[in-house]
């Protein structure tokens, strides 16, 4: 009787194999899983609601009884997920089969639950078809004759077939029929999926709900969905991403209409929830080489009802740092407008003031400009600005004023698997900035690159490398604005060496150079899921081509160890480093921050 019931349940579940089983996990619960591998045993125990109740110390008899009756289908789903279609299941409550107990006659007390599963042999596909398919559709490799007949593989094949048609504009594609026939003597499964593509669809009317201060015309411009264009799920995803990137909304959801409109059009409803208009933030950090810094910002997310974002930022750094020449400070205002010229282009206006103080040198500057940034894809972004900068440098030789008009153009290519804590992939940022100098300021080109790569060794070790480079060409060092020059030392270049400790020396004066090369290498290991350790070495070299005949080219290195603690916003980082070669600083330096060093 029990075996017959199991086969009836099995037949019903097999016809609905595309419905995914969920997973779950009491005191005195015994499992008898004869013939099950360790992985399958773990899957079966993980699928059991009775086991979940035991682990959570829940002992209410009604709850345990309900969990036992539900476990027949859940355990059968776990067997199908492993390609086992002739298994038997028995769940006994104090010696009575749970399926034989009437719901209205549930036991008032439950002492022992015994779950016995004989998984049976693994089935393979004797046929694996999904038709018709849109051009270019790729089904899972496992959905093929002779491969294990896992129910998850069938679901993946169904999803791939439907997604292929949706990508071709058939928004209402679905699985129209399915035939799943198990041959127990042959231990095979005949799987045939029939796809109903439906008509090719075009985007219909886009309707917004939930907006408060945002103007409708700007919402349409930002979303970038064009009525009458062939439907594309990728374009729908991009529209949602564009709305989220504005920072105006707490949530964005784009919903397709259930039925098609006239002419096979599909209306879209965008439901948005706006964030508070204004935001105020503060920050602070401290290192032994760069001193303490404090920062604050004020932001208006929607200045004129079109998603315009204005940010006022201020920072004071090198507080308490000895022999640094004084504190540095910056004050800046930025106004950004999304969907300028194209839905993926953001325009911005910037105005900045600041002071940089080094030993023997102080630079005050004013900079304003206009810029554009464009998102080419999820991985590639570009930017271009036009900036006018006035800087006044004061040192032992007197005061000089630099005036320049620059055109920085850059791109960022991001192939990391995780932006906060990558374990594989790479990230490259490159920028070229031609500049035109006025009066005593030279003209030339400043270029820089920052490339980072990540490679996993197993599941717990990651190798990370970084290469930095920069050059100023076309002008002499004295004619180069001080804020265009390169330094090395500190957390962003060489840990273990004092901040901006390496430049080039002209007489008794040390200044930034026109050429920079830096490299870093890290071995990152996980001790637990939360705690990691890091060993690293950094290298930096600064030089100037005009003075290459003199012994002015310098290099230095640092090495150390660090600890990482995983948090939702990235790993908490503590690094300890010391000089390791070249022009050496003194002592051990520490660095504390959020996120990996690179």
Protein backbone atom coordinates (compact mmCIF):
# COMPACT_ATOMS: atom_id res chain seq x y z
CA UNK A 1 0.00 0.00 0.00
CA UNK A 2 2.76 2.41 1.03
CA UNK A 3 4.83 1.60 -2.10
CA UNK A 4 1.77 2.05 -4.35
CA UNK A 5 1.07 5.42 -2.75
CA UNK A 6 4.68 6.48 -3.31
CA UNK A 7 4.40 5.67 -7.02
CA UNK A 8 1.14 7.64 -7.28
CA UNK A 9 2.80 10.65 -5.69
CA UNK A 10 5.78 10.09 -7.98
CA UNK A 11 3.62 10.13 -11.11
CA UNK A 12 1.95 13.37 -10.09
CA UNK A 13 5.25 15.02 -9.26
CA UNK A 14 6.89 13.83 -12.48
CA UNK A 15 4.23 15.57 -14.57
CA UNK A 16 5.04 18.80 -12.75
CA UNK A 17 8.80 18.40 -12.75
CA UNK A 18 9.32 21.98 -13.87
CA UNK A 19 7.94 23.25 -10.55
CA UNK A 20 11.02 23.72 -8.34
CA UNK A 21 10.97 22.11 -4.84
CA UNK A 22 11.91 24.31 -1.93
CA UNK A 23 14.29 23.33 0.83
CA UNK A 24 14.08 23.15 4.62
CA UNK A 25 15.30 21.01 7.90
CA UNK A 26 13.07 17.73 15.85
CA UNK A 27 14.22 15.73 18.28
CA UNK A 28 14.32 11.91 17.68
CA UNK A 29 14.39 12.07 13.88
CA UNK A 30 16.01 9.01 12.29
CA UNK A 31 17.10 8.86 8.65
CA UNK A 32 17.62 5.59 6.79
CA UNK A 33 19.04 6.52 3.38
CA UNK A 34 20.25 3.23 1.99
CA UNK A 35 22.25 3.56 -1.20
CA UNK A 36 22.40 7.37 -1.10
CA UNK A 37 25.68 9.18 -1.69
CA UNK A 38 26.85 11.77 0.80
CA UNK A 39 25.69 14.61 -1.44
CA UNK A 40 22.28 13.06 -2.02
CA UNK A 41 21.88 12.31 1.71
CA UNK A 42 22.65 15.93 2.51
CA UNK A 43 20.14 17.07 -0.11
CA UNK A 44 17.40 14.83 1.29
CA UNK A 45 18.02 15.96 4.86
CA UNK A 46 18.07 19.56 3.73
CA UNK A 47 14.70 19.12 1.98
CA UNK A 48 12.98 17.65 5.05
CA UNK A 49 10.71 19.96 7.05
CA UNK A 50 10.74 17.45 9.90
CA UNK A 51 14.52 17.75 10.12
CA UNK A 52 14.20 21.54 10.01
CA UNK A 53 11.77 21.42 12.93
CA UNK A 54 14.18 19.25 14.91
CA UNK A 55 17.07 21.61 14.33
CA UNK A 56 14.93 24.59 15.38
CA UNK A 57 13.73 22.67 18.49
CA UNK A 58 10.08 22.92 17.45
CA UNK A 59 8.03 20.09 19.04
CA UNK A 60 4.36 20.99 18.51
CA UNK A 61 2.67 17.70 17.37
CA UNK A 62 0.39 19.40 14.82
CA UNK A 63 3.36 21.16 13.24
CA UNK A 64 5.47 17.98 13.12
CA UNK A 65 2.56 15.99 11.65
CA UNK A 66 2.03 18.58 8.93
CA UNK A 67 5.76 18.64 8.17
CA UNK A 68 5.86 14.84 7.88
CA UNK A 69 2.99 14.75 5.39
CA UNK A 70 4.57 17.55 3.35
CA UNK A 71 7.92 15.76 3.29
CA UNK A 72 6.71 13.07 0.83
CA UNK A 73 6.58 15.58 -2.02
CA UNK A 74 9.66 17.46 -0.85
CA UNK A 75 11.82 14.34 -0.62
CA UNK A 76 10.50 13.14 -3.97
CA UNK A 77 11.50 16.48 -5.47
CA UNK A 78 15.02 16.04 -4.06
CA UNK A 79 15.21 12.58 -5.67
CA UNK A 80 14.08 13.96 -9.04
CA UNK A 81 16.67 16.72 -8.74
CA UNK A 82 19.28 13.93 -8.54
CA UNK A 83 17.80 11.98 -11.46
CA UNK A 84 16.24 9.25 -9.30
CA UNK A 85 12.75 8.42 -10.57
CA UNK A 86 12.10 4.96 -9.05
CA UNK A 87 12.82 5.71 -5.40
CA UNK A 88 10.58 4.80 -2.47
CA UNK A 89 9.81 6.94 0.57
CA UNK A 90 8.48 5.93 3.99
CA UNK A 91 7.84 8.41 6.83
CA UNK A 92 6.71 6.80 10.07
CA UNK A 93 5.45 8.63 13.17
CA UNK A 94 5.94 6.37 16.18
CA UNK A 95 5.72 3.37 13.86
CA UNK A 96 2.70 4.53 11.79
CA UNK A 97 3.02 5.66 8.17
CA UNK A 98 2.32 9.39 8.15
CA UNK A 99 0.35 9.17 4.89
CA UNK A 100 -2.06 6.66 6.50
CA UNK A 101 -3.00 9.03 9.33
CA UNK A 102 -6.12 11.11 8.62
CA UNK A 103 -5.59 14.87 9.01
CA UNK A 104 -8.42 15.06 11.60
CA UNK A 105 -6.86 12.19 13.57
CA UNK A 106 -3.42 13.76 14.07
CA UNK A 107 -1.49 12.36 17.05
CA UNK A 108 -1.54 14.43 20.23
CA UNK A 109 2.06 13.40 20.98
CA UNK A 110 4.96 12.54 18.71
CA UNK A 111 8.04 10.77 20.01
CA UNK A 112 10.02 9.46 17.03
CA UNK A 113 9.92 10.15 13.32
CA UNK A 114 11.70 7.68 11.05
CA UNK A 115 12.35 8.64 7.44
CA UNK A 116 13.45 5.84 5.12
CA UNK A 117 14.39 6.57 1.51
CA UNK A 118 15.61 4.12 -1.10
CA UNK A 119 16.72 6.44 -3.93
CA UNK A 120 16.94 3.79 -6.63
CA UNK A 121 19.23 4.06 -9.69
CA UNK A 122 20.13 7.22 -11.54
CA UNK A 123 18.18 7.74 -14.78
CA UNK A 124 19.62 9.19 -17.97
CA UNK A 125 17.96 10.98 -20.85
CA UNK A 126 16.81 8.72 -23.71
CA UNK A 127 15.47 11.81 -25.44
CA UNK A 128 15.92 15.51 -24.71
CA UNK A 129 14.04 17.85 -27.03
CA UNK A 130 12.83 21.45 -26.79
CA UNK A 131 11.13 22.82 -29.89
CA UNK A 132 10.83 25.19 -31.57
CA UNK A 133 13.88 27.23 -30.58
CA UNK A 134 14.72 30.81 -31.49
CA UNK A 135 17.85 31.32 -33.55
CA UNK A 136 20.96 31.32 -31.39
CA UNK A 137 19.37 29.61 -28.39
CA UNK A 138 21.77 27.39 -26.46
CA UNK A 139 20.35 24.68 -24.23
CA UNK A 140 22.27 23.36 -21.19
CA UNK A 141 24.97 20.83 -22.07
CA UNK A 142 23.38 18.38 -19.63
CA UNK A 143 20.11 18.34 -21.59
CA UNK A 144 21.25 15.63 -23.99
CA UNK A 145 20.84 11.91 -24.60
CA UNK A 146 22.95 9.83 -22.21
CA UNK A 147 23.31 12.61 -19.63
CA UNK A 148 21.89 12.30 -16.05
CA UNK A 149 18.17 13.17 -16.17
CA UNK A 150 18.21 15.83 -13.44
CA UNK A 151 14.95 17.73 -13.01
CA UNK A 152 16.94 20.94 -12.57
CA UNK A 153 18.45 20.43 -16.02
CA UNK A 154 14.96 20.16 -17.51
CA UNK A 155 13.96 23.43 -15.84
CA UNK A 156 17.12 25.09 -17.12
CA UNK A 157 16.37 23.90 -20.65
CA UNK A 158 12.80 25.22 -20.39
CA UNK A 159 14.06 28.58 -19.14
CA UNK A 160 16.66 28.80 -21.89
CA UNK A 161 14.10 28.00 -24.59
CA UNK A 162 11.67 30.64 -23.31
CA UNK A 163 14.41 33.24 -22.76
CA UNK A 164 15.64 32.73 -26.32
CA UNK A 165 12.25 33.65 -27.73
CA UNK A 166 11.86 36.59 -25.32
CA UNK A 167 15.22 37.92 -26.44
CA UNK A 168 13.91 37.79 -30.03
CA UNK A 169 10.94 39.98 -29.08
CA UNK A 170 8.38 37.31 -28.18
CA UNK A 171 7.53 38.63 -24.72
CA UNK A 172 4.78 36.10 -23.99
CA UNK A 173 6.73 32.95 -24.92
CA UNK A 174 6.08 30.04 -22.61
CA UNK A 175 6.26 26.25 -22.35
CA UNK A 176 3.12 25.13 -24.12
CA UNK A 177 3.47 21.41 -23.52
CA UNK A 178 5.70 18.94 -21.76
CA UNK A 179 5.97 15.17 -22.05
CA UNK A 180 8.08 13.43 -19.43
CA UNK A 181 8.06 9.61 -19.57
CA UNK A 182 10.20 7.49 -17.27
CA UNK A 183 11.11 3.94 -18.27
CA UNK A 184 11.87 2.07 -15.06
CA UNK A 185 13.23 -1.11 -16.70
CA UNK A 186 15.63 0.92 -18.84
CA UNK A 187 16.28 3.59 -16.19
CA UNK A 188 15.76 6.35 -18.77
CA UNK A 189 13.69 9.52 -19.10
CA UNK A 190 12.09 10.75 -22.31
CA UNK A 191 11.80 14.56 -22.01
CA UNK A 192 10.04 16.63 -24.67
CA UNK A 193 9.28 20.32 -24.21
CA UNK A 194 7.01 22.21 -26.58
CA UNK A 195 7.55 25.97 -26.71
CA UNK A 196 4.74 28.40 -27.58
CA UNK A 197 6.61 31.52 -28.79
CA UNK A 198 3.58 33.73 -29.36
CA UNK A 199 3.79 36.80 -31.62
CA UNK A 200 6.68 39.21 -31.80
CA UNK A 201 5.87 42.15 -29.54
CA UNK A 202 6.63 45.86 -29.58
CA UNK A 203 6.86 48.17 -26.61
CA UNK A 204 3.59 49.95 -25.91
CA UNK A 205 2.83 52.71 -23.46
CA UNK A 206 5.14 53.30 -20.49
CA UNK A 207 3.26 54.42 -17.36
CA UNK A 208 4.86 55.70 -14.16
CA UNK A 209 3.37 55.40 -10.69
CA UNK A 210 4.66 56.53 -7.30
CA UNK A 211 6.67 59.56 -8.43
CA UNK A 212 6.31 62.70 -6.36
CA UNK A 213 8.55 65.52 -7.53
CA UNK A 214 10.06 64.02 -10.66
CA UNK A 215 8.74 65.46 -13.92
CA UNK A 216 7.21 62.89 -16.28
CA UNK A 217 9.12 64.17 -19.29
CA UNK A 218 12.41 63.60 -17.49
CA UNK A 219 11.33 60.13 -16.34
CA UNK A 220 10.67 59.10 -19.94
CA UNK A 221 14.01 60.57 -21.02
CA UNK A 222 15.94 58.75 -18.30
CA UNK A 223 14.24 55.38 -18.85
CA UNK A 224 14.98 55.50 -22.58
CA UNK A 225 12.23 53.04 -23.63
CA UNK A 226 10.90 53.93 -27.08
CA UNK A 227 7.29 53.09 -27.88
CA UNK A 228 6.95 50.96 -31.02
CA UNK A 229 10.41 49.38 -30.79
CA UNK A 230 10.63 45.57 -30.78
CA UNK A 231 10.43 44.24 -27.24
CA UNK A 232 13.71 43.33 -25.55
CA UNK A 233 14.15 42.12 -21.96
CA UNK A 234 17.65 43.59 -22.04
CA UNK A 235 16.28 47.05 -22.87
CA UNK A 236 13.77 46.65 -20.06
CA UNK A 237 16.58 45.84 -17.62
CA UNK A 238 18.62 48.80 -18.84
CA UNK A 239 15.65 51.14 -18.33
CA UNK A 240 15.32 50.00 -14.71
CA UNK A 241 19.06 50.41 -14.16
CA UNK A 242 19.00 53.95 -15.56
CA UNK A 243 16.25 54.95 -13.18
CA UNK A 244 18.11 53.43 -10.21
CA UNK A 245 21.40 55.12 -11.13
CA UNK A 246 19.86 58.56 -10.67
CA UNK A 247 19.87 57.98 -6.91
CA UNK A 248 16.42 59.57 -6.72
CA UNK A 249 14.49 56.35 -6.04
CA UNK A 250 14.46 53.94 -3.13
CA UNK A 251 12.99 51.24 -5.36
CA UNK A 252 12.25 50.73 -9.06
CA UNK A 253 10.10 47.93 -10.52
CA UNK A 254 9.10 47.55 -14.19
CA UNK A 255 6.10 45.27 -14.74
CA UNK A 256 4.90 43.90 -18.07
CA UNK A 257 1.17 43.93 -18.82
CA UNK A 258 -0.42 40.48 -18.59
CA UNK A 259 -2.10 40.79 -21.99
CA UNK A 260 -1.01 42.33 -25.26
CA UNK A 261 -2.54 45.52 -26.58
CA UNK A 262 -3.59 46.44 -30.13
CA UNK A 263 -1.03 45.54 -32.75
CA UNK A 264 0.76 43.15 -30.39
CA UNK A 265 2.04 45.94 -28.18
CA UNK A 266 3.11 45.43 -24.57
CA UNK A 267 2.47 48.17 -22.03
CA UNK A 268 4.95 48.63 -19.18
CA UNK A 269 4.25 50.02 -15.72
CA UNK A 270 7.16 51.53 -13.82
CA UNK A 271 6.54 51.70 -10.06
CA UNK A 272 8.97 53.97 -8.24
CA UNK A 273 9.43 55.14 -4.66
CA UNK A 274 11.40 58.34 -4.19
CA UNK A 275 14.15 58.80 -1.64
CA UNK A 276 14.31 61.87 0.66
CA UNK A 277 15.47 64.85 -1.36
CA UNK A 278 18.46 65.70 0.81
CA UNK A 279 21.22 63.73 2.46
CA UNK A 280 24.00 64.70 4.87
CA UNK A 281 27.03 62.51 5.53
CA UNK A 282 30.29 62.50 7.48
CA UNK A 283 33.42 60.37 7.42
CA UNK A 284 36.75 59.98 9.19
CA UNK A 285 39.84 57.78 8.85
CA UNK A 286 43.33 57.59 10.26
CA UNK A 287 46.65 56.05 9.23
CA UNK A 288 50.09 56.36 10.73
CA UNK A 289 51.57 57.72 7.48
CA UNK A 290 48.84 60.11 6.33
CA UNK A 291 47.44 61.30 9.65
CA UNK A 292 43.75 61.78 10.31
CA UNK A 293 41.17 63.05 7.86
CA UNK A 294 37.59 64.19 8.29
CA UNK A 295 35.07 64.73 5.52
CA UNK A 296 31.46 65.79 5.09
CA UNK A 297 29.01 66.16 2.24
CA UNK A 298 25.54 67.55 1.60
CA UNK A 299 23.54 66.26 -1.35
CA UNK A 300 20.27 67.21 -3.01
CA UNK A 301 19.04 64.25 -5.08
CA UNK A 302 16.52 66.09 -7.26
CA UNK A 303 17.38 69.73 -7.56
CA UNK A 304 14.95 70.81 -10.29
CA UNK A 305 12.64 67.82 -10.63
CA UNK A 306 14.66 66.20 -13.40
CA UNK A 307 16.99 63.98 -11.37
CA UNK A 308 19.67 66.69 -11.14
CA UNK A 309 21.97 65.90 -8.21
CA UNK A 310 23.98 68.60 -6.44
CA UNK A 311 26.73 67.59 -4.04
CA UNK A 312 28.79 69.84 -1.79
CA UNK A 313 31.87 68.08 -0.37
CA UNK A 314 34.59 69.16 2.05
CA UNK A 315 37.60 67.32 3.44
CA UNK A 316 40.49 68.17 5.75
CA UNK A 317 43.38 65.67 5.77
CA UNK A 318 46.85 65.14 7.23
CA UNK A 319 45.60 66.28 10.62
CA UNK A 320 48.29 65.70 13.25
CA UNK A 321 50.84 64.47 10.70
CA UNK A 322 54.32 65.63 11.64
CA UNK A 323 56.76 67.09 9.12
CA UNK A 324 54.06 67.27 6.44
CA UNK A 325 54.03 70.98 5.72
CA UNK A 326 50.53 71.41 7.14
CA UNK A 327 47.03 70.12 6.53
CA UNK A 328 45.41 69.62 3.13
CA UNK A 329 41.83 70.66 2.43
CA UNK A 330 39.36 70.56 -0.42
CA UNK A 331 35.93 72.07 -1.04
CA UNK A 332 33.91 71.18 -4.10
CA UNK A 333 30.49 71.54 -5.68
CA UNK A 334 29.23 69.18 -8.38
CA UNK A 335 25.92 69.26 -10.26
CA UNK A 336 25.06 66.15 -12.34
CA UNK A 337 22.21 65.71 -14.80
CA UNK A 338 21.38 62.18 -16.01
CA UNK A 339 20.08 61.43 -19.52
CA UNK A 340 21.82 64.37 -21.18
CA UNK A 341 22.02 63.88 -24.96
CA UNK A 342 21.40 60.11 -24.55
CA UNK A 343 19.74 58.03 -21.82
CA UNK A 344 23.16 56.65 -20.82
CA UNK A 345 25.03 59.98 -20.73
CA UNK A 346 25.40 62.14 -17.63
CA UNK A 347 26.51 65.76 -17.79
CA UNK A 348 28.15 67.54 -14.88
CA UNK A 349 29.43 70.94 -13.79
CA UNK A 350 32.22 71.11 -11.23
CA UNK A 351 33.83 73.79 -9.08
CA UNK A 352 36.62 72.99 -6.65
CA UNK A 353 38.99 74.78 -4.28
CA UNK A 354 41.84 73.20 -2.39
CA UNK A 355 45.24 73.33 -0.77
CA UNK A 356 48.01 70.74 -0.82
CA UNK A 357 50.85 71.21 1.66
CA UNK A 358 54.11 69.32 1.41
CA UNK A 359 57.45 69.88 3.09
CA UNK A 360 58.74 73.11 1.60
CA UNK A 361 55.87 73.47 -0.88
CA UNK A 362 52.27 74.70 -0.68
CA UNK A 363 49.84 74.69 -3.59
CA UNK A 364 46.48 76.51 -3.66
CA UNK A 365 44.21 75.79 -6.58
CA UNK A 366 40.87 76.62 -8.14
CA UNK A 367 39.31 74.37 -10.79
CA UNK A 368 36.04 74.49 -12.68
CA UNK A 369 34.74 72.65 -15.69
CA UNK A 370 32.14 70.68 -17.60
CA UNK A 371 32.13 66.95 -18.24
CA UNK A 372 30.26 64.01 -19.72
CA UNK A 373 30.26 60.36 -18.69
CA UNK A 374 28.73 57.58 -20.77
CA UNK A 375 27.87 53.99 -19.93
CA UNK A 376 28.62 51.83 -22.98
CA UNK A 377 27.79 48.56 -21.20
CA UNK A 378 27.66 47.04 -17.75
CA UNK A 379 31.43 46.59 -18.00
CA UNK A 380 32.65 49.65 -19.92
CA UNK A 381 32.25 53.36 -19.12
CA UNK A 382 33.86 56.44 -20.60
CA UNK A 383 34.28 60.07 -19.59
CA UNK A 384 35.49 63.37 -21.01
CA UNK A 385 35.89 66.77 -19.32
CA UNK A 386 37.08 70.23 -20.10
CA UNK A 387 38.69 71.90 -17.10
CA UNK A 388 40.29 75.24 -16.37
CA UNK A 389 42.71 75.21 -13.44
CA UNK A 390 44.58 77.99 -11.66
CA UNK A 391 47.15 76.89 -9.10
CA UNK A 392 49.57 78.92 -7.03
CA UNK A 393 52.69 77.13 -5.79
CA UNK A 394 54.83 78.60 -3.01
CA UNK A 395 58.24 77.18 -2.06
CA UNK A 396 61.71 78.33 -1.14
CA UNK A 397 62.30 79.60 -4.66
CA UNK A 398 59.30 81.91 -4.55
CA UNK A 399 55.73 81.89 -5.85
CA UNK A 400 54.57 80.67 -9.23
CA UNK A 401 51.11 80.72 -10.78
CA UNK A 402 50.08 77.98 -13.20
CA UNK A 403 47.10 78.35 -15.54
CA UNK A 404 45.98 75.52 -17.78
CA UNK A 405 43.07 74.32 -19.90
CA UNK A 406 42.86 70.53 -19.96
CA UNK A 407 40.78 67.87 -21.70
CA UNK A 408 40.96 64.61 -19.69
CA UNK A 409 39.48 61.63 -21.55
CA UNK A 410 39.28 58.29 -19.82
CA UNK A 411 37.66 54.85 -19.75
CA UNK A 412 37.07 52.16 -17.15
CA UNK A 413 36.80 48.48 -18.03
CA UNK A 414 35.50 46.37 -15.15
CA UNK A 415 35.47 42.56 -15.42
CA UNK A 416 35.59 41.77 -11.69
CA UNK A 417 33.21 39.17 -10.27
CA UNK A 418 32.61 41.31 -7.15
CA UNK A 419 33.21 45.04 -6.86
CA UNK A 420 33.70 45.02 -3.06
CA UNK A 421 35.81 41.86 -2.69
CA UNK A 422 36.87 40.44 -6.09
CA UNK A 423 38.31 36.96 -6.49
CA UNK A 424 38.67 36.78 -10.27
CA UNK A 425 38.68 39.09 -13.28
CA UNK A 426 40.32 42.47 -13.87
CA UNK A 427 39.74 46.23 -13.62
CA UNK A 428 41.50 48.80 -15.82
CA UNK A 429 41.20 52.59 -15.72
CA UNK A 430 43.13 54.70 -18.23
CA UNK A 431 43.16 58.44 -18.86
CA UNK A 432 44.90 60.77 -21.29
CA UNK A 433 44.81 64.51 -20.57
CA UNK A 434 46.22 67.00 -23.07
CA UNK A 435 46.62 70.42 -21.50
CA UNK A 436 47.30 73.90 -22.80
CA UNK A 437 49.33 76.16 -20.53
CA UNK A 438 49.22 79.95 -20.35
CA UNK A 439 52.08 82.33 -19.58
CA UNK A 440 54.75 80.45 -17.58
CA UNK A 441 52.79 77.17 -17.66
CA UNK A 442 53.89 74.56 -20.18
CA UNK A 443 51.68 72.58 -22.55
CA UNK A 444 51.75 68.84 -22.95
CA UNK A 445 50.08 65.55 -22.16
CA UNK A 446 49.48 63.79 -18.86
CA UNK A 447 48.56 60.11 -19.03
CA UNK A 448 47.98 57.51 -16.35
CA UNK A 449 46.81 53.93 -16.01
CA UNK A 450 45.70 51.71 -13.13
CA UNK A 451 45.31 47.98 -13.88
CA UNK A 452 44.27 45.33 -11.34
CA UNK A 453 43.95 41.57 -11.78
CA UNK A 454 42.60 38.78 -9.57
CA UNK A 455 43.09 35.03 -9.84
CA UNK A 456 41.73 32.36 -7.46
CA UNK A 457 43.77 29.39 -6.25
CA UNK A 458 41.05 27.07 -5.05
CA UNK A 459 38.21 28.39 -2.92
CA UNK A 460 40.19 30.15 -0.16
CA UNK A 461 43.21 31.81 -1.77
CA UNK A 462 43.25 34.72 -4.23
CA UNK A 463 46.26 36.24 -5.96
CA UNK A 464 45.86 39.98 -6.58
CA UNK A 465 48.19 42.23 -8.58
CA UNK A 466 48.16 45.93 -9.41
CA UNK A 467 50.17 47.99 -11.90
CA UNK A 468 50.14 51.80 -11.94
CA UNK A 469 51.85 54.15 -14.32
CA UNK A 470 51.89 57.82 -15.18
CA UNK A 471 53.76 60.28 -17.36
CA UNK A 472 53.78 63.98 -18.19
CA UNK A 473 55.36 64.76 -21.53
CA UNK A 474 55.78 67.79 -23.78
CA UNK A 475 56.78 70.19 -21.02
CA UNK A 476 59.62 70.62 -18.53
CA UNK A 477 59.31 69.87 -14.83
CA UNK A 478 59.43 73.54 -13.70
CA UNK A 479 56.64 74.38 -16.20
CA UNK A 480 54.44 71.48 -15.10
CA UNK A 481 51.63 72.41 -12.70
CA UNK A 482 52.36 70.95 -9.28
CA UNK A 483 49.00 69.12 -9.12
CA UNK A 484 49.90 67.28 -12.36
CA UNK A 485 53.08 65.76 -10.90
CA UNK A 486 53.46 62.29 -9.38
CA UNK A 487 54.47 61.17 -5.90
CA UNK A 488 54.87 57.76 -4.28
CA UNK A 489 54.36 56.52 -0.73
CA UNK A 490 51.32 55.82 1.44
CA UNK A 491 48.21 53.69 1.23
CA UNK A 492 47.45 54.33 -2.45
CA UNK A 493 50.93 53.47 -3.74
CA UNK A 494 53.54 51.97 -1.38
CA UNK A 495 52.38 50.88 2.06
CA UNK A 496 55.09 50.98 4.70
CA UNK A 497 56.57 54.17 3.26
CA UNK A 498 55.53 57.66 4.47
CA UNK A 499 52.85 59.48 2.50
CA UNK A 500 54.25 61.24 -0.60
CA UNK A 501 57.77 60.51 0.62
CA UNK A 502 59.26 59.84 -2.80
CA UNK A 503 59.65 62.51 -5.47
CA UNK A 504 62.60 64.00 -7.34
CA UNK A 505 65.16 66.30 -5.78
CA UNK A 506 66.25 69.56 -7.38
CA UNK A 507 68.86 71.18 -5.22
CA UNK A 508 67.47 71.09 -1.69
CA UNK A 509 63.87 70.92 -2.84
CA UNK A 510 61.91 67.67 -3.31
CA UNK A 511 59.01 67.89 -5.77
CA UNK A 512 56.73 65.52 -7.62
CA UNK A 513 58.09 63.87 -10.75
CA UNK A 514 56.82 63.54 -14.29
CA UNK A 515 57.13 59.76 -14.47
CA UNK A 516 55.71 57.14 -12.12
CA UNK A 517 55.64 53.35 -12.04
CA UNK A 518 54.06 51.39 -9.20
CA UNK A 519 53.20 47.79 -8.52
CA UNK A 520 51.55 45.74 -5.80
CA UNK A 521 51.14 42.02 -5.21
CA UNK A 522 48.93 40.39 -2.60
CA UNK A 523 48.12 36.85 -1.47
CA UNK A 524 44.68 36.86 0.12
CA UNK A 525 43.60 33.85 2.16
CA UNK A 526 40.37 33.03 3.97
CA UNK A 527 40.70 31.62 7.48
CA UNK A 528 36.94 31.48 8.02
CA UNK A 529 33.96 32.79 6.08
CA UNK A 530 34.37 36.12 7.93
CA UNK A 531 38.09 36.43 8.62
CA UNK A 532 40.90 36.62 6.09
CA UNK A 533 44.64 37.30 6.11
CA UNK A 534 46.79 39.04 3.50
CA UNK A 535 50.48 39.22 2.72
CA UNK A 536 51.64 41.97 0.36
CA UNK A 537 54.55 43.82 -1.20
CA UNK A 538 54.41 47.25 -2.92
CA UNK A 539 56.87 49.03 -5.20
CA UNK A 540 57.08 52.62 -6.47
CA UNK A 541 59.46 54.60 -8.68
CA UNK A 542 59.45 58.34 -9.45
CA UNK A 543 61.65 60.08 -12.02
CA UNK A 544 61.90 63.02 -14.38
CA UNK A 545 63.26 62.71 -17.91
CA UNK A 546 64.77 66.22 -17.97
CA UNK A 547 67.04 65.45 -15.03
CA UNK A 548 67.91 61.84 -15.88
CA UNK A 549 71.64 62.67 -16.00
CA UNK A 550 71.59 63.40 -12.27
CA UNK A 551 70.98 60.73 -9.63
CA UNK A 552 67.39 61.77 -9.24
CA UNK A 553 65.53 58.60 -10.18
CA UNK A 554 64.34 56.98 -7.00
CA UNK A 555 62.50 53.86 -5.97
CA UNK A 556 61.24 52.38 -2.75
CA UNK A 557 59.29 49.35 -1.58
CA UNK A 558 57.19 48.22 1.35
CA UNK A 559 55.88 44.89 2.60
CA UNK A 560 53.52 43.72 5.30
CA UNK A 561 50.60 41.67 6.46
CA UNK A 562 46.93 42.43 6.98
CA UNK A 563 43.68 41.15 8.39
CA UNK A 564 40.27 41.32 6.72
CA UNK A 565 36.82 40.99 8.32
CA UNK A 566 33.85 40.59 5.97
CA UNK A 567 31.00 43.09 6.29
CA UNK A 568 27.97 43.80 4.04
CA UNK A 569 29.71 46.89 2.60
CA UNK A 570 33.04 45.19 1.93
CA UNK A 571 35.87 43.80 4.06
CA UNK A 572 37.11 45.82 7.03
CA UNK A 573 40.85 46.19 6.37
CA UNK A 574 43.78 46.51 8.77
CA UNK A 575 47.27 46.47 7.24
CA UNK A 576 50.68 46.68 8.95
CA UNK A 577 53.63 47.46 6.69
CA UNK A 578 57.30 48.42 6.90
CA UNK A 579 59.89 49.69 4.41
CA UNK A 580 61.41 46.88 2.34
CA UNK A 581 63.95 48.55 0.06
CA UNK A 582 65.11 51.61 -1.83
CA UNK A 583 64.82 54.99 -0.19
CA UNK A 584 63.50 53.83 3.17
CA UNK A 585 61.23 55.47 5.69
CA UNK A 586 61.25 54.60 9.37
CA UNK A 587 59.08 52.31 11.52
CA UNK A 588 55.93 50.31 10.95
CA UNK A 589 52.91 51.94 9.39
CA UNK A 590 49.27 50.90 9.85
CA UNK A 591 46.27 51.40 7.57
CA UNK A 592 42.60 50.97 8.49
CA UNK A 593 39.73 51.21 6.02
CA UNK A 594 36.77 49.58 4.29
CA UNK A 595 37.33 47.48 1.18
CA UNK A 596 40.40 45.75 -0.17
CA UNK A 597 43.50 47.86 -0.77
CA UNK A 598 42.75 47.52 -4.50
